[in-house]
Amino acid sequence: AFSAGADLKERAGMTQEQTRAFLRGIRGIMDKVERVPCPTLAAIEGV
């Protein structure tokens, strides 16, 4: 696996407010990866 996606076990225990905060955080990280100044590559084996 590169990554199977969000951890659904953790997500199942979150309130709606916690889920919204989690999504804000994950969006911020994806945006940060996109804004890395140098070129970026994803090496994907598995899923």
All heavy atoms as atom14 arrays in JSON, in Angstrom:
{
  "sequence": "AFSAGADLKERAGMTQEQTRAFLRGIRGIMDKVERVPCPTLAAIEGV",
  "atom14_mask": [
    [1, 1, 1, 1, 1, 0, 0, 0, 0, 0, 0, 0, 0, 0],
    [1, 1, 1, 1, 1, 1, 1, 1, 1, 1, 1, 0, 0, 0],
    [1, 1, 1, 1, 1, 1, 0, 0, 0, 0, 0, 0, 0, 0],
    [1, 1, 1, 1, 1, 0, 0, 0, 0, 0, 0, 0, 0, 0],
    [1, 1, 1, 1, 0, 0, 0, 0, 0, 0, 0, 0, 0, 0],
    [1, 1, 1, 1, 1, 0, 0, 0, 0, 0, 0, 0, 0, 0],
    [1, 1, 1, 1, 1, 1, 1, 1, 0, 0, 0, 0, 0, 0],
    [1, 1, 1, 1, 1, 1, 1, 1, 0, 0, 0, 0, 0, 0],
    [1, 1, 1, 1, 1, 1, 1, 1, 1, 0, 0, 0, 0, 0],
    [1, 1, 1, 1, 1, 1, 1, 1, 1, 0, 0, 0, 0, 0],
    [1, 1, 1, 1, 1, 1, 1, 1, 1, 1, 1, 0, 0, 0],
    [1, 1, 1, 1, 1, 0, 0, 0, 0, 0, 0, 0, 0, 0],
    [1, 1, 1, 1, 0, 0, 0, 0, 0, 0, 0, 0, 0, 0],
    [1, 1, 1, 1, 1, 1, 1, 1, 0, 0, 0, 0, 0, 0],
    [1, 1, 1, 1, 1, 1, 1, 0, 0, 0, 0, 0, 0, 0],
    [1, 1, 1, 1, 1, 1, 1, 1, 1, 0, 0, 0, 0, 0],
    [1, 1, 1, 1, 1, 1, 1, 1, 1, 0, 0, 0, 0, 0],
    [1, 1, 1, 1, 1, 1, 1, 1, 1, 0, 0, 0, 0, 0],
    [1, 1, 1, 1, 1, 1, 1, 0, 0, 0, 0, 0, 0, 0],
    [1, 1, 1, 1, 1, 1, 1, 1, 1, 1, 1, 0, 0, 0],
    [1, 1, 1, 1, 1, 0, 0, 0, 0, 0, 0, 0, 0, 0],
    [1, 1, 1, 1, 1, 1, 1, 1, 1, 1, 1, 0, 0, 0],
    [1, 1, 1, 1, 1, 1, 1, 1, 0, 0, 0, 0, 0, 0],
    [1, 1, 1, 1, 1, 1, 1, 1, 1, 1, 1, 0, 0, 0],
    [1, 1, 1, 1, 0, 0, 0, 0, 0, 0, 0, 0, 0, 0],
    [1, 1, 1, 1, 1, 1, 1, 1, 0, 0, 0, 0, 0, 0],
    [1, 1, 1, 1, 1, 1, 1, 1, 1, 1, 1, 0, 0, 0],
    [1, 1, 1, 1, 0, 0, 0, 0, 0, 0, 0, 0, 0, 0],
    [1, 1, 1, 1, 1, 1, 1, 1, 0, 0, 0, 0, 0, 0],
    [1, 1, 1, 1, 1, 1, 1, 1, 0, 0, 0, 0, 0, 0],
    [1, 1, 1, 1, 1, 1, 1, 1, 0, 0, 0, 0, 0, 0],
    [1, 1, 1, 1, 1, 1, 1, 1, 1, 0, 0, 0, 0, 0],
    [1, 1, 1, 1, 1, 1, 1, 0, 0, 0, 0, 0, 0, 0],
    [1, 1, 1, 1, 1, 1, 1, 1, 1, 0, 0, 0, 0, 0],
    [1, 1, 1, 1, 1, 1, 1, 1, 1, 1, 1, 0, 0, 0],
    [1, 1, 1, 1, 1, 1, 1, 0, 0, 0, 0, 0, 0, 0],
    [1, 1, 1, 1, 1, 1, 1, 0, 0, 0, 0, 0, 0, 0],
    [1, 1, 1, 1, 1, 1, 0, 0, 0, 0, 0, 0, 0, 0],
    [1, 1, 1, 1, 1, 1, 1, 0, 0, 0, 0, 0, 0, 0],
    [1, 1, 1, 1, 1, 1, 1, 0, 0, 0, 0, 0, 0, 0],
    [1, 1, 1, 1, 1, 1, 1, 1, 0, 0, 0, 0, 0, 0],
    [1, 1, 1, 1, 1, 0, 0, 0, 0, 0, 0, 0, 0, 0],
    [1, 1, 1, 1, 1, 0, 0, 0, 0, 0, 0, 0, 0, 0],
    [1, 1, 1, 1, 1, 1, 1, 1, 0, 0, 0, 0, 0, 0],
    [1, 1, 1, 1, 1, 1, 1, 1, 1, 0, 0, 0, 0, 0],
    [1, 1, 1, 1, 0, 0, 0, 0, 0, 0, 0, 0, 0, 0],
    [1, 1, 1, 1, 1, 1, 1, 0, 0, 0, 0, 0, 0, 0]
  ],
  "atom14_positions": [
    [[0.82, -1.21, 0.0], [0.0, 0.0, 0.0], [0.85, 1.25, 0.0], [1.76, 1.39, 0.83], [-0.93, 0.02, 1.21], [0.0, 0.0, 0.0], [0.0, 0.0, 0.0], [0.0, 0.0, 0.0], [0.0, 0.0, 0.0], [0.0, 0.0, 0.0], [0.0, 0.0, 0.0], [0.0, 0.0, 0.0], [0.0, 0.0, 0.0], [0.0, 0.0, 0.0]],
    [[0.53, 2.14, -0.93], [0.98, 3.53, -0.8], [0.18, 4.12, 0.37], [0.73, 4.55, 1.36], [0.72, 4.29, -2.09], [1.07, 5.75, -2.03], [2.39, 6.16, -2.04], [0.07, 6.71, -1.96], [2.73, 7.51, -1.98], [0.39, 8.07, -1.89], [1.73, 8.46, -1.91], [0.0, 0.0, 0.0], [0.0, 0.0, 0.0], [0.0, 0.0, 0.0]],
    [[-1.14, 4.09, 0.25], [-2.04, 4.37, 1.36], [-3.44, 3.96, 0.97], [-3.91, 4.3, -0.13], [-2.03, 5.86, 1.75], [-3.05, 6.12, 2.71], [0.0, 0.0, 0.0], [0.0, 0.0, 0.0], [0.0, 0.0, 0.0], [0.0, 0.0, 0.0], [0.0, 0.0, 0.0], [0.0, 0.0, 0.0], [0.0, 0.0, 0.0], [0.0, 0.0, 0.0]],
    [[-4.11, 3.24, 1.88], [-5.47, 2.79, 1.62], [-6.5, 3.88, 1.86], [-7.7, 3.66, 1.69], [-5.79, 1.58, 2.49], [0.0, 0.0, 0.0], [0.0, 0.0, 0.0], [0.0, 0.0, 0.0], [0.0, 0.0, 0.0], [0.0, 0.0, 0.0], [0.0, 0.0, 0.0], [0.0, 0.0, 0.0], [0.0, 0.0, 0.0], [0.0, 0.0, 0.0]],
    [[-6.05, 5.08, 2.27], [-6.97, 6.19, 2.5], [-7.11, 6.51, 3.97], [-6.27, 6.15, 4.8], [0.0, 0.0, 0.0], [0.0, 0.0, 0.0], [0.0, 0.0, 0.0], [0.0, 0.0, 0.0], [0.0, 0.0, 0.0], [0.0, 0.0, 0.0], [0.0, 0.0, 0.0], [0.0, 0.0, 0.0], [0.0, 0.0, 0.0], [0.0, 0.0, 0.0]],
    [[-8.18, 7.2, 4.3], [-8.42, 7.59, 5.69], [-8.59, 6.37, 6.58], [-9.08, 5.32, 6.14], [-9.64, 8.49, 5.78], [0.0, 0.0, 0.0], [0.0, 0.0, 0.0], [0.0, 0.0, 0.0], [0.0, 0.0, 0.0], [0.0, 0.0, 0.0], [0.0, 0.0, 0.0], [0.0, 0.0, 0.0], [0.0, 0.0, 0.0], [0.0, 0.0, 0.0]],
    [[-8.18, 6.51, 7.82], [-8.35, 5.45, 8.81], [-9.8, 5.45, 9.27], [-10.21, 6.26, 10.1], [-7.4, 5.68, 9.98], [-7.38, 4.51, 10.95], [-8.43, 3.87, 11.13], [-6.31, 4.25, 11.53], [0.0, 0.0, 0.0], [0.0, 0.0, 0.0], [0.0, 0.0, 0.0], [0.0, 0.0, 0.0], [0.0, 0.0, 0.0], [0.0, 0.0, 0.0]],
    [[-10.6, 4.53, 8.72], [-12.03, 4.53, 9.0], [-12.34, 4.13, 10.44], [-13.37, 4.54, 10.99], [-12.75, 3.6, 8.03], [-12.66, 3.99, 6.54], [-13.45, 3.01, 5.69], [-13.15, 5.41, 6.33], [0.0, 0.0, 0.0], [0.0, 0.0, 0.0], [0.0, 0.0, 0.0], [0.0, 0.0, 0.0], [0.0, 0.0, 0.0], [0.0, 0.0, 0.0]],
    [[-11.47, 3.35, 11.05], [-11.7, 2.99, 12.46], [-11.59, 4.24, 13.34], [-12.41, 4.46, 14.23], [-10.69, 1.94, 12.91], [-10.91, 0.57, 12.28], [-9.89, -0.43, 12.8], [-10.11, -1.8, 12.17], [-9.11, -2.79, 12.65], [0.0, 0.0, 0.0], [0.0, 0.0, 0.0], [0.0, 0.0, 0.0], [0.0, 0.0, 0.0], [0.0, 0.0, 0.0]],
    [[-10.57, 5.06, 13.07], [-10.44, 6.3, 13.83], [-11.6, 7.24, 13.51], [-12.17, 7.87, 14.41], [-9.12, 6.98, 13.51], [-8.91, 8.29, 14.26], [-7.64, 9.01, 13.83], [-7.57, 9.43, 12.65], [-6.74, 9.19, 14.66], [0.0, 0.0, 0.0], [0.0, 0.0, 0.0], [0.0, 0.0, 0.0], [0.0, 0.0, 0.0], [0.0, 0.0, 0.0]],
    [[-11.95, 7.32, 12.23], [-13.02, 8.24, 11.82], [-14.35, 7.87, 12.45], [-15.16, 8.75, 12.77], [-13.12, 8.22, 10.28], [-14.04, 9.26, 9.68], [-13.4, 10.62, 9.64], [-12.3, 10.67, 8.71], [-12.42, 10.89, 7.4], [-13.61, 11.09, 6.87], [-11.36, 10.95, 6.63], [0.0, 0.0, 0.0], [0.0, 0.0, 0.0], [0.0, 0.0, 0.0]],
    [[-14.61, 6.57, 12.64], [-15.9, 6.13, 13.18], [-16.12, 6.63, 14.6], [-17.26, 6.8, 15.04], [-15.98, 4.61, 13.15], [0.0, 0.0, 0.0], [0.0, 0.0, 0.0], [0.0, 0.0, 0.0], [0.0, 0.0, 0.0], [0.0, 0.0, 0.0], [0.0, 0.0, 0.0], [0.0, 0.0, 0.0], [0.0, 0.0, 0.0], [0.0, 0.0, 0.0]],
    [[-15.03, 6.9, 15.33], [-15.17, 7.37, 16.7], [-15.2, 8.87, 16.84], [-15.25, 9.38, 17.96], [0.0, 0.0, 0.0], [0.0, 0.0, 0.0], [0.0, 0.0, 0.0], [0.0, 0.0, 0.0], [0.0, 0.0, 0.0], [0.0, 0.0, 0.0], [0.0, 0.0, 0.0], [0.0, 0.0, 0.0], [0.0, 0.0, 0.0], [0.0, 0.0, 0.0]],
    [[-15.19, 9.59, 15.73], [-15.16, 11.05, 15.78], [-16.56, 11.63, 15.77], [-17.47, 11.1, 15.12], [-14.4, 11.61, 14.57], [-12.91, 11.33, 14.57], [-12.12, 12.08, 13.09], [-10.4, 11.69, 13.39], [0.0, 0.0, 0.0], [0.0, 0.0, 0.0], [0.0, 0.0, 0.0], [0.0, 0.0, 0.0], [0.0, 0.0, 0.0], [0.0, 0.0, 0.0]],
    [[-16.72, 12.75, 16.45], [-17.95, 13.54, 16.31], [-17.89, 14.28, 14.97], [-16.85, 14.33, 14.31], [-18.06, 14.56, 17.45], [-16.98, 15.51, 17.33], [-17.99, 13.87, 18.81], [0.0, 0.0, 0.0], [0.0, 0.0, 0.0], [0.0, 0.0, 0.0], [0.0, 0.0, 0.0], [0.0, 0.0, 0.0], [0.0, 0.0, 0.0], [0.0, 0.0, 0.0]],
    [[-19.01, 14.88, 14.59], [-19.01, 15.66, 13.34], [-18.02, 16.81, 13.42], [-17.33, 17.12, 12.44], [-20.41, 16.19, 13.04], [-21.36, 15.14, 12.5], [-22.59, 15.74, 11.85], [-22.68, 16.95, 11.63], [-23.55, 14.9, 11.53], [0.0, 0.0, 0.0], [0.0, 0.0, 0.0], [0.0, 0.0, 0.0], [0.0, 0.0, 0.0], [0.0, 0.0, 0.0]],
    [[-17.91, 17.44, 14.57], [-16.98, 18.55, 14.72], [-15.53, 18.06, 14.58], [-14.7, 18.7, 13.94], [-17.17, 19.23, 16.07], [-18.47, 20.02, 16.21], [-19.69, 19.14, 16.39], [-19.52, 17.93, 16.7], [-20.82, 19.66, 16.22], [0.0, 0.0, 0.0], [0.0, 0.0, 0.0], [0.0, 0.0, 0.0], [0.0, 0.0, 0.0], [0.0, 0.0, 0.0]],
    [[-15.23, 16.92, 15.18], [-13.89, 16.35, 15.07], [-13.59, 15.95, 13.63], [-12.46, 16.12, 13.16], [-13.75, 15.15, 16.0], [-13.72, 15.51, 17.48], [-13.81, 14.29, 18.37], [-14.45, 13.29, 18.03], [-13.18, 14.36, 19.54], [0.0, 0.0, 0.0], [0.0, 0.0, 0.0], [0.0, 0.0, 0.0], [0.0, 0.0, 0.0], [0.0, 0.0, 0.0]],
    [[-14.58, 15.43, 12.94], [-14.39, 15.05, 11.53], [-14.09, 16.28, 10.68], [-13.2, 16.25, 9.82], [-15.63, 14.32, 10.99], [-15.84, 13.14, 11.76], [-15.44, 13.95, 9.53], [0.0, 0.0, 0.0], [0.0, 0.0, 0.0], [0.0, 0.0, 0.0], [0.0, 0.0, 0.0], [0.0, 0.0, 0.0], [0.0, 0.0, 0.0], [0.0, 0.0, 0.0]],
    [[-14.82, 17.36, 10.93], [-14.56, 18.59, 10.18], [-13.15, 19.1, 10.45], [-12.44, 19.54, 9.53], [-15.58, 19.66, 10.55], [-16.99, 19.38, 10.07], [-17.9, 20.58, 10.25], [-19.25, 20.28, 9.87], [-20.24, 20.0, 10.72], [-20.0, 20.0, 12.02], [-21.45, 19.74, 10.28], [0.0, 0.0, 0.0], [0.0, 0.0, 0.0], [0.0, 0.0, 0.0]],
    [[-12.71, 19.03, 11.7], [-11.35, 19.47, 12.04], [-10.32, 18.58, 11.37], [-9.29, 19.06, 10.87], [-11.17, 19.46, 13.56], [0.0, 0.0, 0.0], [0.0, 0.0, 0.0], [0.0, 0.0, 0.0], [0.0, 0.0, 0.0], [0.0, 0.0, 0.0], [0.0, 0.0, 0.0], [0.0, 0.0, 0.0], [0.0, 0.0, 0.0], [0.0, 0.0, 0.0]],
    [[-10.58, 17.28, 11.36], [-9.68, 16.34, 10.7], [-9.56, 16.67, 9.22], [-8.45, 16.69, 8.65], [-10.19, 14.91, 10.89], [-9.36, 13.86, 10.2], [-8.26, 13.3, 10.82], [-9.69, 13.43, 8.92], [-7.5, 12.33, 10.19], [-8.94, 12.46, 8.27], [-7.84, 11.91, 8.91], [0.0, 0.0, 0.0], [0.0, 0.0, 0.0], [0.0, 0.0, 0.0]],
    [[-10.69, 16.93, 8.57], [-10.67, 17.23, 7.14], [-9.93, 18.53, 6.85], [-9.22, 18.65, 5.84], [-12.09, 17.29, 6.59], [-12.78, 15.92, 6.44], [-14.24, 16.1, 6.05], [-12.06, 15.08, 5.41], [0.0, 0.0, 0.0], [0.0, 0.0, 0.0], [0.0, 0.0, 0.0], [0.0, 0.0, 0.0], [0.0, 0.0, 0.0], [0.0, 0.0, 0.0]],
    [[-10.1, 19.53, 7.69], [-9.35, 20.77, 7.52], [-7.85, 20.49, 7.59], [-7.06, 21.01, 6.8], [-9.73, 21.79, 8.59], [-11.08, 22.47, 8.36], [-11.42, 23.4, 9.52], [-10.41, 24.44, 9.69], [-10.41, 25.59, 9.04], [-11.36, 25.85, 8.16], [-9.49, 26.5, 9.27], [0.0, 0.0, 0.0], [0.0, 0.0, 0.0], [0.0, 0.0, 0.0]],
    [[-7.48, 19.62, 8.52], [-6.07, 19.28, 8.66], [-5.52, 18.53, 7.47], [-4.44, 18.85, 6.97], [0.0, 0.0, 0.0], [0.0, 0.0, 0.0], [0.0, 0.0, 0.0], [0.0, 0.0, 0.0], [0.0, 0.0, 0.0], [0.0, 0.0, 0.0], [0.0, 0.0, 0.0], [0.0, 0.0, 0.0], [0.0, 0.0, 0.0], [0.0, 0.0, 0.0]],
    [[-6.27, 17.53, 6.98], [-5.77, 16.74, 5.87], [-5.71, 17.56, 4.59], [-4.78, 17.43, 3.79], [-6.6, 15.44, 5.68], [-5.85, 14.48, 4.75], [-7.98, 15.73, 5.13], [-6.49, 13.11, 4.67], [0.0, 0.0, 0.0], [0.0, 0.0, 0.0], [0.0, 0.0, 0.0], [0.0, 0.0, 0.0], [0.0, 0.0, 0.0], [0.0, 0.0, 0.0]],
    [[-6.69, 18.46, 4.41], [-6.63, 19.36, 3.24], [-5.39, 20.23, 3.31], [-4.72, 20.48, 2.29], [-7.88, 20.23, 3.17], [-9.15, 19.51, 2.77], [-10.29, 20.49, 2.54], [-11.56, 19.8, 2.52], [-12.5, 19.91, 3.46], [-12.29, 20.69, 4.5], [-13.63, 19.25, 3.35], [0.0, 0.0, 0.0], [0.0, 0.0, 0.0], [0.0, 0.0, 0.0]],
    [[-5.09, 20.73, 4.5], [-3.91, 21.57, 4.67], [-2.63, 20.84, 4.33], [-1.71, 21.4, 3.72], [0.0, 0.0, 0.0], [0.0, 0.0, 0.0], [0.0, 0.0, 0.0], [0.0, 0.0, 0.0], [0.0, 0.0, 0.0], [0.0, 0.0, 0.0], [0.0, 0.0, 0.0], [0.0, 0.0, 0.0], [0.0, 0.0, 0.0], [0.0, 0.0, 0.0]],
    [[-2.54, 19.56, 4.71], [-1.35, 18.78, 4.41], [-1.23, 18.53, 2.91], [-0.14, 18.65, 2.33], [-1.37, 17.46, 5.19], [-1.23, 17.74, 6.69], [-0.26, 16.52, 4.71], [-1.51, 16.55, 7.56], [0.0, 0.0, 0.0], [0.0, 0.0, 0.0], [0.0, 0.0, 0.0], [0.0, 0.0, 0.0], [0.0, 0.0, 0.0], [0.0, 0.0, 0.0]],
    [[-2.34, 18.19, 2.26], [-2.3, 17.99, 0.8], [-1.87, 19.27, 0.1], [-1.07, 19.24, -0.84], [-3.67, 17.55, 0.28], [-4.25, 16.31, 0.93], [-3.21, 14.85, 0.77], [-4.24, 13.62, 1.55], [0.0, 0.0, 0.0], [0.0, 0.0, 0.0], [0.0, 0.0, 0.0], [0.0, 0.0, 0.0], [0.0, 0.0, 0.0], [0.0, 0.0, 0.0]],
    [[-2.39, 20.4, 0.55], [-2.0, 21.68, -0.04], [-0.51, 21.94, 0.17], [0.17, 22.48, -0.71], [-2.82, 22.82, 0.56], [-4.28, 22.79, 0.14], [-4.61, 22.05, -0.81], [-5.09, 23.5, 0.76], [0.0, 0.0, 0.0], [0.0, 0.0, 0.0], [0.0, 0.0, 0.0], [0.0, 0.0, 0.0], [0.0, 0.0, 0.0], [0.0, 0.0, 0.0]],
    [[-0.01, 21.58, 1.35], [1.41, 21.79, 1.63], [2.27, 20.94, 0.72], [3.3, 21.4, 0.21], [1.7, 21.47, 3.1], [3.14, 21.76, 3.51], [3.35, 21.53, 5.01], [2.63, 22.59, 5.83], [2.92, 22.47, 7.28], [0.0, 0.0, 0.0], [0.0, 0.0, 0.0], [0.0, 0.0, 0.0], [0.0, 0.0, 0.0], [0.0, 0.0, 0.0]],
    [[1.86, 19.69, 0.48], [2.59, 18.82, -0.45], [2.6, 19.44, -1.83], [3.63, 19.47, -2.52], [1.97, 17.41, -0.48], [2.55, 16.57, -1.61], [2.19, 16.7, 0.86], [0.0, 0.0, 0.0], [0.0, 0.0, 0.0], [0.0, 0.0, 0.0], [0.0, 0.0, 0.0], [0.0, 0.0, 0.0], [0.0, 0.0, 0.0], [0.0, 0.0, 0.0]],
    [[1.45, 19.95, -2.26], [1.36, 20.57, -3.58], [2.27, 21.79, -3.69], [2.8, 22.09, -4.78], [-0.08, 20.97, -3.86], [-0.32, 21.48, -5.27], [-1.79, 21.72, -5.54], [-2.43, 22.44, -4.74], [-2.31, 21.17, -6.53], [0.0, 0.0, 0.0], [0.0, 0.0, 0.0], [0.0, 0.0, 0.0], [0.0, 0.0, 0.0], [0.0, 0.0, 0.0]],
    [[2.5, 22.49, -2.58], [3.28, 23.73, -2.6], [4.75, 23.52, -2.29], [5.49, 24.5, -2.17], [2.69, 24.74, -1.63], [1.31, 25.27, -2.03], [0.96, 26.52, -1.23], [0.93, 26.26, 0.2], [-0.15, 25.9, 0.88], [-1.3, 25.74, 0.25], [-0.09, 25.68, 2.19], [0.0, 0.0, 0.0], [0.0, 0.0, 0.0], [0.0, 0.0, 0.0]],
    [[5.2, 22.28, -2.11], [6.63, 22.04, -1.92], [7.37, 22.67, -3.11], [7.01, 22.41, -4.26], [6.93, 20.53, -1.84], [8.43, 20.29, -1.85], [6.32, 19.94, -0.58], [0.0, 0.0, 0.0], [0.0, 0.0, 0.0], [0.0, 0.0, 0.0], [0.0, 0.0, 0.0], [0.0, 0.0, 0.0], [0.0, 0.0, 0.0], [0.0, 0.0, 0.0]],
    [[8.37, 23.51, -2.87], [9.0, 24.22, -3.99], [9.66, 23.31, -5.02], [9.59, 23.58, -6.22], [10.05, 25.1, -3.29], [9.54, 25.27, -1.89], [8.86, 23.97, -1.56], [0.0, 0.0, 0.0], [0.0, 0.0, 0.0], [0.0, 0.0, 0.0], [0.0, 0.0, 0.0], [0.0, 0.0, 0.0], [0.0, 0.0, 0.0], [0.0, 0.0, 0.0]],
    [[10.29, 22.23, -4.57], [10.98, 21.34, -5.5], [9.99, 20.31, -6.08], [8.89, 20.12, -5.55], [12.13, 20.63, -4.8], [11.61, 19.45, -3.52], [0.0, 0.0, 0.0], [0.0, 0.0, 0.0], [0.0, 0.0, 0.0], [0.0, 0.0, 0.0], [0.0, 0.0, 0.0], [0.0, 0.0, 0.0], [0.0, 0.0, 0.0], [0.0, 0.0, 0.0]],
    [[10.36, 19.63, -7.16], [9.49, 18.6, -7.73], [9.23, 17.46, -6.75], [10.09, 17.09, -5.95], [10.28, 18.11, -8.95], [11.14, 19.27, -9.34], [11.52, 19.9, -8.03], [0.0, 0.0, 0.0], [0.0, 0.0, 0.0], [0.0, 0.0, 0.0], [0.0, 0.0, 0.0], [0.0, 0.0, 0.0], [0.0, 0.0, 0.0], [0.0, 0.0, 0.0]],
    [[8.02, 16.89, -6.84], [7.6, 15.82, -5.95], [7.1, 14.63, -6.76], [6.45, 14.79, -7.79], [6.49, 16.29, -5.0], [5.41, 16.84, -5.78], [7.0, 17.36, -4.05], [0.0, 0.0, 0.0], [0.0, 0.0, 0.0], [0.0, 0.0, 0.0], [0.0, 0.0, 0.0], [0.0, 0.0, 0.0], [0.0, 0.0, 0.0], [0.0, 0.0, 0.0]],
    [[7.4, 13.42, -6.27], [6.99, 12.2, -6.93], [6.32, 11.27, -5.93], [6.77, 11.15, -4.8], [8.19, 11.46, -7.55], [9.04, 12.21, -8.56], [10.24, 12.85, -7.88], [9.51, 11.28, -9.67], [0.0, 0.0, 0.0], [0.0, 0.0, 0.0], [0.0, 0.0, 0.0], [0.0, 0.0, 0.0], [0.0, 0.0, 0.0], [0.0, 0.0, 0.0]],
    [[5.26, 10.59, -6.37], [4.6, 9.57, -5.55], [4.97, 8.21, -6.11], [4.73, 7.92, -7.29], [3.09, 9.75, -5.57], [0.0, 0.0, 0.0], [0.0, 0.0, 0.0], [0.0, 0.0, 0.0], [0.0, 0.0, 0.0], [0.0, 0.0, 0.0], [0.0, 0.0, 0.0], [0.0, 0.0, 0.0], [0.0, 0.0, 0.0], [0.0, 0.0, 0.0]],
    [[5.59, 7.38, -5.27], [5.98, 6.02, -5.65], [4.91, 5.06, -5.14], [4.84, 4.78, -3.95], [7.34, 5.68, -5.05], [0.0, 0.0, 0.0], [0.0, 0.0, 0.0], [0.0, 0.0, 0.0], [0.0, 0.0, 0.0], [0.0, 0.0, 0.0], [0.0, 0.0, 0.0], [0.0, 0.0, 0.0], [0.0, 0.0, 0.0], [0.0, 0.0, 0.0]],
    [[4.09, 4.55, -6.06], [2.89, 3.82, -5.66], [3.0, 2.34, -5.97], [2.98, 1.92, -7.13], [1.64, 4.4, -6.35], [1.48, 5.88, -6.0], [0.39, 3.62, -5.95], [0.38, 6.59, -6.76], [0.0, 0.0, 0.0], [0.0, 0.0, 0.0], [0.0, 0.0, 0.0], [0.0, 0.0, 0.0], [0.0, 0.0, 0.0], [0.0, 0.0, 0.0]],
    [[3.16, 1.54, -4.93], [3.02, 0.09, -5.0], [1.74, -0.27, -4.25], [1.34, 0.42, -3.31], [4.21, -0.6, -4.33], [5.56, -0.26, -4.93], [6.03, -1.25, -5.99], [5.17, -1.99, -6.53], [7.24, -1.28, -6.26], [0.0, 0.0, 0.0], [0.0, 0.0, 0.0], [0.0, 0.0, 0.0], [0.0, 0.0, 0.0], [0.0, 0.0, 0.0]],
    [[1.1, -1.35, -4.65], [-0.11, -1.76, -3.94], [-1.25, -0.79, -4.2], [-1.47, -0.36, -5.33], [0.0, 0.0, 0.0], [0.0, 0.0, 0.0], [0.0, 0.0, 0.0], [0.0, 0.0, 0.0], [0.0, 0.0, 0.0], [0.0, 0.0, 0.0], [0.0, 0.0, 0.0], [0.0, 0.0, 0.0], [0.0, 0.0, 0.0], [0.0, 0.0, 0.0]],
    [[-1.97, -0.43, -3.14], [-3.2, 0.35, -3.31], [-2.97, 1.83, -2.98], [-2.18, 2.17, -2.11], [-4.35, -0.21, -2.45], [-4.61, -1.67, -2.81], [-4.05, -0.08, -0.96], [0.0, 0.0, 0.0], [0.0, 0.0, 0.0], [0.0, 0.0, 0.0], [0.0, 0.0, 0.0], [0.0, 0.0, 0.0], [0.0, 0.0, 0.0], [0.0, 0.0, 0.0]]
  ]
}
